[in-house]
Amino acid sequence: TCPFTFRKLAGCTLFITGASRGIGKAIALKAAKDGANIVIAAKTAEPHPTLPGTIYTAAEEIEAAGGKALPCIVNVREEQQIINAVEKAVKTFGGIDILVNNASAISLTGTLETATKKVNLMMDVNVRGTYLTSKACLPHLRKSKNPHILNLSPPMNLNPMWFKNHCAYTISKYGMSMCVLGMAEEFRGEVAVNALWPKTAIHTAAMDMLGGAGVEKQCRKTDILADAAYCILTKPKTFTGNFIIDEVLLREEGVKDFDVYAIAPGHPLIPDFFLDVETDTTAMKQERYGRESTVKTESAAAKPSGPVAETFRVIQGAMTEEYVRSTQGVFQFELSGDGGGTWYIDLKSKGGSAGFGKPPVTADVVMSMSSADFVKMFTGKLKPTLAFMSGKLRIKGNMALAIKLEKMLSQLNSKL
């Protein structure tokens, strides 16, 4: 791990939003080992039906790790709750040295599929919440010896690929990054302001919801972000205005073994959003210049053959009443390239069906990808989550159903 010297954060006060679970809690526990004071500014006070942890269980873990904890009920959408928690933190610990803006909301949906309340949630939590929490903490941070603000947000990558599938989410995350850009300059010499983002997907309750069953094998533990955050927060305040990727920083700090951060060492990892994977540059250039292969309709009208048609024959043969009953969804595939065109899987009508052309009833989910990637996906060589996060797969419609299809795929893979 990072060449950490002894207890650098002892006696420091960290104000962390969304610290009741996931990445926020991991950063809190790392600082607590030094004997830091942690203000847990999160909204879960009562146990949530599906998500682990409350501000009180997090407080117990922080105290057990050697820190002092102050649990505060804070929904960052409510400015007064932020202000009250900041006042309480200053009363309890005498000041604030570090702010970690970790609270975040996510909905990976297209423009027409994103409900207004979801748009409001992402803008309110991610952009406005980060802005207002920073504003409330800054007067106190300015009095600290080595103050830091750290936003869990990505480097701003203006490749349209990162906007087209989930425009609202991208705007909201880049809004957090713009806070870094602006405030780092505005408070240069007084307060360090940086952004931290993981290179790969991180296993949290949020990731379980997005990725479905079995996704954790393709993720890293929250520890990697906790270690990277610790490195940043122990640097002098002159280290500011940086957009840091966890793995890049830790390599610079001399970390060699990244298997310790893997949930399943040796397993392929999902690259995180907003980071272009070098290998995909050709595909991206093609998209940028609009050279996507168009499907020739006249040849497609003939009975299709080849790997795509073969895959659909297997799917048709594997249909069971059980799949239909448990899925209750109609999937349409828009495939570009050889054997492409429109295909469907109907897991709603009695008996179910699959084949070439438009589905017999309106599709709940439309997936667009190249036919080569489609075949890889159905033979288990390309995970749908990975295809989606790297921009190879575009999904319109019901996200939850798309995840259900992934579960069915893993059962089908044995037959393909």
Protein backbone atom coordinates (compact mmCIF):
# COMPACT_ATOMS: atom_id res chain seq x y z
CA THR A 1 0.00 0.00 0.00
CA CYS A 2 0.83 3.69 -0.23
CA PRO A 3 3.96 4.50 1.82
CA PHE A 4 1.74 5.91 4.59
CA THR A 5 3.54 7.39 7.54
CA PHE A 6 2.13 7.05 11.00
CA ARG A 7 -1.34 8.50 11.76
CA LYS A 8 -1.25 11.50 9.44
CA LEU A 9 -4.95 12.22 9.93
CA ALA A 10 -4.95 11.94 13.75
CA GLY A 11 -7.19 14.64 15.18
CA CYS A 12 -8.38 15.82 11.74
CA THR A 13 -12.11 16.26 11.21
CA LEU A 14 -13.60 14.82 8.01
CA PHE A 15 -17.11 15.71 6.85
CA ILE A 16 -18.20 12.87 4.50
CA THR A 17 -21.52 12.82 2.65
CA GLY A 18 -23.08 9.43 1.92
CA ALA A 19 -20.78 7.80 4.50
CA SER A 20 -23.26 5.22 5.81
CA ARG A 21 -22.14 2.63 3.21
CA GLY A 22 -20.01 1.98 0.15
CA ILE A 23 -17.15 4.25 -0.85
CA GLY A 24 -17.96 7.01 1.67
CA LYS A 25 -17.79 4.56 4.55
CA ALA A 26 -14.55 2.98 3.27
CA ILE A 27 -12.85 6.40 3.19
CA ALA A 28 -14.19 7.10 6.70
CA LEU A 29 -12.81 3.82 8.09
CA LYS A 30 -9.37 4.41 6.56
CA ALA A 31 -9.16 7.84 8.25
CA ALA A 32 -10.60 6.43 11.49
CA LYS A 33 -7.59 4.08 11.78
CA ASP A 34 -5.46 7.23 12.19
CA GLY A 35 -7.75 8.44 14.98
CA ALA A 36 -9.61 11.02 12.85
CA ASN A 37 -13.00 12.55 13.70
CA ILE A 38 -15.65 11.60 11.15
CA VAL A 39 -18.91 13.44 10.54
CA ILE A 40 -21.21 10.89 8.87
CA ALA A 41 -23.50 13.13 6.84
CA ALA A 42 -25.94 10.69 5.27
CA LYS A 43 -29.67 10.20 5.05
CA THR A 44 -30.15 6.58 6.19
CA ALA A 45 -31.15 6.75 9.86
CA GLU A 46 -33.65 3.86 9.78
CA PRO A 47 -32.50 0.50 8.33
CA HIS A 48 -33.30 0.39 4.61
CA PRO A 49 -35.21 -2.68 3.34
CA THR A 50 -32.53 -3.64 0.78
CA LEU A 51 -29.45 -1.48 1.41
CA PRO A 52 -27.02 -2.26 4.25
CA GLY A 53 -26.08 0.19 6.99
CA THR A 54 -27.30 3.35 8.69
CA ILE A 55 -25.42 6.38 10.00
CA TYR A 56 -25.49 4.71 13.44
CA THR A 57 -24.04 1.34 12.33
CA ALA A 58 -21.36 3.26 10.38
CA ALA A 59 -20.61 5.28 13.54
CA GLU A 60 -20.08 2.07 15.53
CA GLU A 61 -17.65 0.75 12.90
CA ILE A 62 -15.74 4.06 12.85
CA GLU A 63 -15.40 4.10 16.66
CA ALA A 64 -14.28 0.45 16.59
CA ALA A 65 -11.60 1.34 14.01
CA GLY A 66 -10.17 4.00 16.33
CA GLY A 67 -11.94 7.17 15.19
CA LYS A 68 -14.54 9.46 16.72
CA ALA A 69 -17.89 9.52 14.93
CA LEU A 70 -20.66 12.09 14.74
CA PRO A 71 -23.69 10.66 12.88
CA CYS A 72 -25.82 13.43 11.32
CA ILE A 73 -29.00 12.95 9.32
CA VAL A 74 -28.25 14.83 6.12
CA ASN A 75 -30.13 14.65 2.86
CA VAL A 76 -27.90 16.90 0.72
CA ARG A 77 -31.01 18.06 -1.15
CA GLU A 78 -31.97 19.98 2.02
CA GLU A 79 -29.66 22.96 2.55
CA GLN A 80 -30.75 23.46 6.17
CA GLN A 81 -29.77 19.88 7.04
CA ILE A 82 -26.29 20.51 5.60
CA ILE A 83 -25.90 23.77 7.56
CA ASN A 84 -27.09 22.15 10.80
CA ALA A 85 -24.64 19.26 10.43
CA VAL A 86 -21.73 21.63 9.70
CA GLU A 87 -22.56 23.67 12.82
CA LYS A 88 -22.82 20.52 14.92
CA ALA A 89 -19.47 19.28 13.55
CA VAL A 90 -17.72 22.54 14.43
CA LYS A 91 -19.31 22.55 17.92
CA THR A 92 -18.28 18.93 18.53
CA PHE A 93 -14.80 18.82 17.00
CA GLY A 94 -13.78 22.49 16.85
CA GLY A 95 -13.59 22.75 13.05
CA ILE A 96 -13.57 20.93 9.71
CA ASP A 97 -10.35 19.97 7.90
CA ILE A 98 -11.59 17.78 5.07
CA LEU A 99 -14.81 17.54 3.07
CA VAL A 100 -15.52 14.45 0.97
CA ASN A 101 -18.44 14.93 -1.45
CA ASN A 102 -19.36 11.30 -2.01
CA ALA A 103 -23.20 11.27 -1.93
CA SER A 104 -24.48 10.54 -5.41
CA ALA A 105 -27.58 9.41 -7.30
CA ILE A 106 -27.54 7.41 -10.53
CA SER A 107 -30.00 6.50 -13.26
CA LEU A 108 -28.49 5.17 -16.47
CA THR A 109 -31.42 6.00 -18.70
CA GLY A 110 -31.92 7.80 -21.99
CA THR A 111 -33.49 11.24 -22.21
CA LEU A 112 -37.03 10.02 -22.93
CA GLU A 113 -36.84 7.23 -20.34
CA THR A 114 -35.65 9.41 -17.43
CA ALA A 115 -38.54 10.46 -15.18
CA THR A 116 -38.41 14.12 -14.16
CA LYS A 117 -38.12 13.17 -10.49
CA LYS A 118 -34.99 11.15 -11.36
CA VAL A 119 -33.53 14.13 -13.27
CA ASN A 120 -34.22 16.33 -10.23
CA LEU A 121 -32.71 13.76 -7.88
CA MET A 122 -29.43 13.51 -9.84
CA MET A 123 -29.10 17.28 -10.31
CA ASP A 124 -30.05 17.98 -6.67
CA VAL A 125 -27.79 15.37 -5.05
CA ASN A 126 -24.81 15.35 -7.39
CA VAL A 127 -24.44 18.97 -8.52
CA ARG A 128 -26.40 21.12 -6.08
CA GLY A 129 -25.65 18.94 -3.04
CA THR A 130 -21.91 18.99 -3.74
CA TYR A 131 -21.98 22.75 -4.36
CA LEU A 132 -23.96 23.61 -1.23
CA THR A 133 -22.00 21.26 1.06
CA SER A 134 -18.76 22.81 -0.21
CA LYS A 135 -20.19 26.28 0.34
CA ALA A 136 -21.21 25.46 3.92
CA CYS A 137 -17.83 23.89 4.79
CA LEU A 138 -15.51 26.38 3.07
CA PRO A 139 -15.51 29.10 5.78
CA HIS A 140 -14.36 26.43 8.29
CA LEU A 141 -11.94 24.74 5.86
CA ARG A 142 -10.15 28.07 5.33
CA LYS A 143 -9.20 28.06 9.03
CA SER A 144 -7.63 24.59 8.85
CA LYS A 145 -3.88 23.97 8.50
CA ASN A 146 -4.19 21.55 5.58
CA PRO A 147 -7.74 21.71 4.23
CA HIS A 148 -9.02 19.52 1.40
CA ILE A 149 -12.22 19.06 -0.57
CA LEU A 150 -12.44 15.75 -2.45
CA ASN A 151 -15.29 15.09 -4.89
CA LEU A 152 -16.00 11.55 -6.08
CA SER A 153 -16.38 12.58 -9.71
CA PRO A 154 -14.76 11.83 -13.07
CA PRO A 155 -12.34 13.67 -15.33
CA MET A 156 -14.46 15.56 -17.85
CA ASN A 157 -14.36 13.56 -21.05
CA LEU A 158 -16.37 15.27 -23.79
CA ASN A 159 -16.54 12.21 -26.02
CA PRO A 160 -20.27 12.10 -27.01
CA MET A 161 -20.29 8.37 -26.23
CA TRP A 162 -20.49 9.22 -22.51
CA PHE A 163 -23.50 11.48 -23.02
CA LYS A 164 -25.70 9.62 -25.47
CA ASN A 165 -26.90 6.78 -23.23
CA HIS A 166 -27.42 8.62 -19.93
CA CYS A 167 -27.28 12.34 -20.60
CA ALA A 168 -28.74 13.48 -17.26
CA TYR A 169 -26.39 11.32 -15.17
CA THR A 170 -23.34 12.50 -17.13
CA ILE A 171 -24.32 16.17 -16.77
CA SER A 172 -24.76 15.70 -13.01
CA LYS A 173 -21.39 13.96 -12.52
CA TYR A 174 -19.57 16.49 -14.69
CA GLY A 175 -21.29 19.19 -12.60
CA MET A 176 -19.41 17.81 -9.58
CA SER A 177 -16.18 17.90 -11.61
CA MET A 178 -16.85 21.51 -12.60
CA CYS A 179 -17.09 22.36 -8.89
CA VAL A 180 -13.52 21.02 -8.61
CA LEU A 181 -12.37 23.04 -11.61
CA GLY A 182 -13.89 26.28 -10.30
CA MET A 183 -13.27 26.01 -6.57
CA ALA A 184 -9.67 24.77 -6.93
CA GLU A 185 -8.87 28.00 -8.76
CA GLU A 186 -11.04 30.21 -6.55
CA PHE A 187 -9.45 28.94 -3.31
CA ARG A 188 -5.93 28.25 -4.63
CA GLY A 189 -3.39 28.63 -1.81
CA GLU A 190 -6.15 28.31 0.80
CA VAL A 191 -7.99 25.00 0.23
CA ALA A 192 -7.04 22.04 -1.96
CA VAL A 193 -9.89 20.84 -4.19
CA ASN A 194 -9.54 17.59 -6.16
CA ALA A 195 -11.60 14.85 -7.82
CA LEU A 196 -11.13 11.10 -7.42
CA TRP A 197 -12.60 8.45 -9.73
CA PRO A 198 -12.07 4.68 -9.94
CA LYS A 199 -10.52 3.09 -13.01
CA THR A 200 -12.81 0.08 -12.69
CA ALA A 201 -16.25 -0.62 -11.29
CA ILE A 202 -16.24 -0.78 -7.48
CA HIS A 203 -18.33 -3.32 -5.61
CA THR A 204 -20.98 -1.48 -3.56
CA ALA A 205 -24.72 -1.90 -3.00
CA ALA A 206 -25.24 0.59 -5.86
CA MET A 207 -23.21 -1.63 -8.20
CA ASP A 208 -25.25 -4.69 -7.19
CA MET A 209 -28.40 -2.82 -8.21
CA LEU A 210 -26.92 -1.72 -11.55
CA GLY A 211 -25.05 -4.86 -12.48
CA GLY A 212 -27.26 -7.66 -11.21
CA ALA A 213 -26.14 -11.00 -9.79
CA GLY A 214 -22.52 -12.03 -10.12
CA VAL A 215 -21.29 -8.55 -11.05
CA GLU A 216 -18.98 -8.34 -8.01
CA LYS A 217 -16.46 -10.70 -9.64
CA GLN A 218 -15.82 -7.96 -12.22
CA CYS A 219 -15.31 -5.26 -9.56
CA ARG A 220 -12.67 -4.04 -7.16
CA LYS A 221 -13.15 -3.53 -3.41
CA THR A 222 -13.82 -0.07 -1.98
CA ASP A 223 -10.35 -0.29 -0.33
CA ILE A 224 -8.65 0.98 -3.49
CA LEU A 225 -10.57 4.26 -3.29
CA ALA A 226 -9.99 4.54 0.45
CA ASP A 227 -6.24 4.17 -0.08
CA ALA A 228 -6.21 6.64 -2.98
CA ALA A 229 -8.30 9.15 -1.02
CA TYR A 230 -5.92 8.82 1.94
CA CYS A 231 -2.95 9.61 -0.33
CA ILE A 232 -4.67 12.74 -1.65
CA LEU A 233 -5.93 14.00 1.71
CA THR A 234 -2.48 13.70 3.32
CA LYS A 235 -0.81 15.76 0.57
CA PRO A 236 -0.16 19.49 1.14
CA LYS A 237 -2.89 21.95 0.11
CA THR A 238 -0.74 23.01 -2.86
CA PHE A 239 -1.85 19.71 -4.47
CA THR A 240 -5.05 21.03 -6.04
CA GLY A 241 -7.22 21.05 -9.16
CA ASN A 242 -6.38 17.43 -10.06
CA PHE A 243 -8.65 14.80 -11.57
CA ILE A 244 -7.22 11.62 -10.14
CA ILE A 245 -7.78 8.01 -11.20
CA ASP A 246 -7.27 5.67 -8.23
CA GLU A 247 -4.99 3.13 -9.92
CA VAL A 248 -2.86 5.77 -11.67
CA LEU A 249 -2.17 7.59 -8.38
CA LEU A 250 -1.40 4.40 -6.42
CA ARG A 251 1.02 3.22 -9.12
CA GLU A 252 2.81 6.57 -8.83
CA GLU A 253 2.90 6.05 -5.06
CA GLY A 254 4.67 2.73 -5.58
CA VAL A 255 1.82 0.21 -5.30
CA LYS A 256 2.63 -2.82 -7.47
CA ASP A 257 0.08 -5.46 -6.46
CA PHE A 258 -3.47 -4.60 -7.50
CA ASP A 259 -4.77 -8.14 -6.97
CA VAL A 260 -5.27 -7.25 -3.31
CA TYR A 261 -8.04 -4.88 -4.43
CA ALA A 262 -9.81 -7.43 -6.64
CA ILE A 263 -12.88 -9.28 -5.39
CA ALA A 264 -11.93 -12.16 -7.70
CA PRO A 265 -8.21 -11.82 -8.60
CA GLY A 266 -7.52 -12.66 -12.23
CA HIS A 267 -11.12 -12.03 -13.29
CA PRO A 268 -11.64 -9.35 -16.00
CA LEU A 269 -12.69 -5.99 -14.52
CA ILE A 270 -15.40 -3.66 -15.80
CA PRO A 271 -13.85 -0.32 -16.79
CA ASP A 272 -15.68 2.57 -15.13
CA PHE A 273 -17.73 5.21 -16.93
CA PHE A 274 -16.15 8.26 -18.59
CA LEU A 275 -12.76 6.62 -19.13
CA ASP A 276 -12.00 5.73 -22.74
CA VAL A 277 -10.49 2.30 -23.09
CA GLU A 278 -7.59 2.68 -25.52
CA THR A 279 -8.49 -0.48 -27.45
CA ASP A 280 -11.83 0.99 -28.51
CA THR A 281 -10.48 4.05 -30.30
CA THR A 282 -11.16 2.70 -33.78
CA ALA A 283 -14.79 1.94 -33.00
CA MET A 284 -15.19 5.38 -31.46
CA LYS A 285 -13.62 7.17 -34.43
CA GLN A 286 -15.97 5.34 -36.76
CA GLU A 287 -18.98 6.38 -34.73
CA ARG A 288 -17.75 9.95 -34.53
CA TYR A 289 -17.55 10.20 -38.31
CA GLY A 290 -20.87 8.41 -38.79
CA ARG A 291 -19.43 5.45 -40.71
CA GLU A 292 -21.46 2.85 -38.83
CA SER A 293 -22.17 -0.03 -41.17
CA THR A 294 -25.70 0.22 -42.46
CA VAL A 295 -27.79 -2.91 -42.77
CA LYS A 296 -28.75 -3.73 -46.35
CA THR A 297 -32.46 -4.42 -46.08
CA GLU A 298 -32.87 -6.35 -49.32
CA SER A 299 -30.31 -9.03 -48.35
CA ALA A 300 -31.66 -9.14 -44.80
CA ALA A 301 -35.14 -9.96 -46.09
CA ALA A 302 -33.92 -13.38 -47.17
CA LYS A 303 -33.85 -16.08 -44.46
CA PRO A 304 -30.84 -14.99 -42.38
CA SER A 305 -28.00 -17.41 -41.76
CA GLY A 306 -24.72 -17.19 -39.87
CA PRO A 307 -23.78 -16.87 -36.18
CA VAL A 308 -26.60 -14.43 -35.26
CA ALA A 309 -29.30 -16.64 -36.81
CA GLU A 310 -27.72 -19.68 -35.17
CA THR A 311 -27.77 -17.94 -31.77
CA PHE A 312 -31.49 -17.11 -32.16
CA ARG A 313 -32.26 -20.72 -33.14
CA VAL A 314 -30.62 -21.89 -29.89
CA ILE A 315 -32.52 -19.25 -27.89
CA GLN A 316 -35.80 -20.30 -29.52
CA GLY A 317 -35.05 -23.93 -28.64
CA ALA A 318 -34.17 -23.07 -25.04
CA MET A 319 -37.42 -21.17 -24.37
CA THR A 320 -39.32 -22.47 -21.36
CA GLU A 321 -42.56 -21.47 -19.70
CA GLU A 322 -40.41 -20.77 -16.62
CA TYR A 323 -38.29 -18.15 -18.47
CA VAL A 324 -41.45 -16.52 -19.79
CA ARG A 325 -43.14 -16.51 -16.38
CA SER A 326 -40.11 -15.14 -14.54
CA THR A 327 -39.03 -12.53 -17.13
CA GLN A 328 -42.26 -11.06 -18.56
CA GLY A 329 -40.50 -8.86 -21.07
CA VAL A 330 -40.10 -8.35 -24.81
CA PHE A 331 -36.60 -7.56 -26.11
CA GLN A 332 -35.76 -6.07 -29.49
CA PHE A 333 -32.20 -6.11 -30.86
CA GLU A 334 -30.95 -3.65 -33.46
CA LEU A 335 -27.76 -5.24 -34.76
CA SER A 336 -25.27 -3.61 -37.12
CA GLY A 337 -22.84 -5.58 -39.29
CA ASP A 338 -23.03 -9.11 -40.74
CA GLY A 339 -26.29 -10.92 -40.06
CA GLY A 340 -27.62 -7.71 -38.52
CA GLY A 341 -31.01 -6.07 -38.72
CA THR A 342 -33.89 -6.25 -36.26
CA TRP A 343 -34.31 -9.36 -34.09
CA TYR A 344 -36.42 -10.09 -31.03
CA ILE A 345 -36.91 -12.30 -27.98
CA ASP A 346 -40.46 -12.42 -26.65
CA LEU A 347 -40.55 -13.62 -23.05
CA LYS A 348 -44.04 -12.30 -22.31
CA SER A 349 -46.50 -14.06 -24.65
CA LYS A 350 -47.47 -17.67 -23.94
CA GLY A 351 -44.67 -20.10 -24.78
CA GLY A 352 -42.31 -17.29 -25.79
CA SER A 353 -40.62 -16.87 -29.15
CA ALA A 354 -37.47 -15.46 -30.74
CA GLY A 355 -36.37 -14.68 -34.26
CA PHE A 356 -35.81 -12.22 -37.09
CA GLY A 357 -37.85 -9.04 -37.50
CA LYS A 358 -39.88 -6.88 -35.16
CA PRO A 359 -41.44 -8.56 -32.09
CA PRO A 360 -45.16 -9.46 -32.28
CA VAL A 361 -45.91 -6.88 -29.53
CA THR A 362 -44.14 -3.63 -28.65
CA ALA A 363 -40.72 -4.22 -27.09
CA ASP A 364 -40.08 -3.25 -23.45
CA VAL A 365 -36.34 -3.00 -24.08
CA VAL A 366 -34.46 -2.14 -27.27
CA MET A 367 -30.77 -3.08 -27.34
CA SER A 368 -28.45 -1.83 -30.08
CA MET A 369 -25.01 -3.31 -30.71
CA SER A 370 -22.86 -4.88 -33.40
CA SER A 371 -23.81 -8.43 -34.42
CA ALA A 372 -20.29 -9.64 -33.49
CA ASP A 373 -20.66 -8.27 -29.93
CA PHE A 374 -24.18 -9.76 -29.76
CA VAL A 375 -22.86 -13.25 -30.49
CA LYS A 376 -20.07 -12.74 -27.93
CA MET A 377 -22.65 -11.63 -25.37
CA PHE A 378 -24.86 -14.65 -25.90
CA THR A 379 -21.96 -17.11 -25.76
CA GLY A 380 -20.70 -15.69 -22.47
CA LYS A 381 -17.56 -14.08 -23.96
CA LEU A 382 -18.79 -10.53 -23.31
CA LYS A 383 -20.68 -9.59 -20.15
CA PRO A 384 -23.72 -7.37 -20.86
CA THR A 385 -22.72 -5.04 -17.98
CA LEU A 386 -19.27 -4.64 -19.49
CA ALA A 387 -20.70 -4.13 -22.98
CA PHE A 388 -23.04 -1.46 -21.62
CA MET A 389 -20.42 0.38 -19.54
CA SER A 390 -17.92 0.45 -22.40
CA GLY A 391 -20.52 1.84 -24.81
CA LYS A 392 -20.74 -1.27 -27.03
CA LEU A 393 -24.33 -1.91 -25.98
CA ARG A 394 -27.02 0.76 -25.96
CA ILE A 395 -30.20 0.11 -23.99
CA LYS A 396 -33.51 1.95 -24.34
CA GLY A 397 -36.46 1.20 -22.11
CA ASN A 398 -36.83 -0.83 -18.96
CA MET A 399 -33.40 -1.20 -17.31
CA ALA A 400 -34.63 -3.70 -14.70
CA LEU A 401 -35.79 -6.03 -17.50
CA ALA A 402 -32.40 -5.70 -19.21
CA ILE A 403 -30.82 -6.96 -15.97
CA LYS A 404 -33.32 -9.86 -15.88
CA LEU A 405 -32.23 -10.83 -19.38
CA GLU A 406 -28.63 -10.93 -18.16
CA LYS A 407 -29.65 -13.44 -15.46
CA MET A 408 -31.35 -15.60 -18.09
CA LEU A 409 -28.25 -15.35 -20.31
CA SER A 410 -26.06 -16.85 -17.63
CA GLN A 411 -28.41 -19.84 -17.47
CA LEU A 412 -28.50 -20.10 -21.28
CA ASN A 413 -24.72 -19.91 -21.69
CA SER A 414 -24.36 -23.55 -20.77
CA LYS A 415 -26.52 -24.45 -23.82
CA LEU A 416 -24.78 -22.15 -26.31
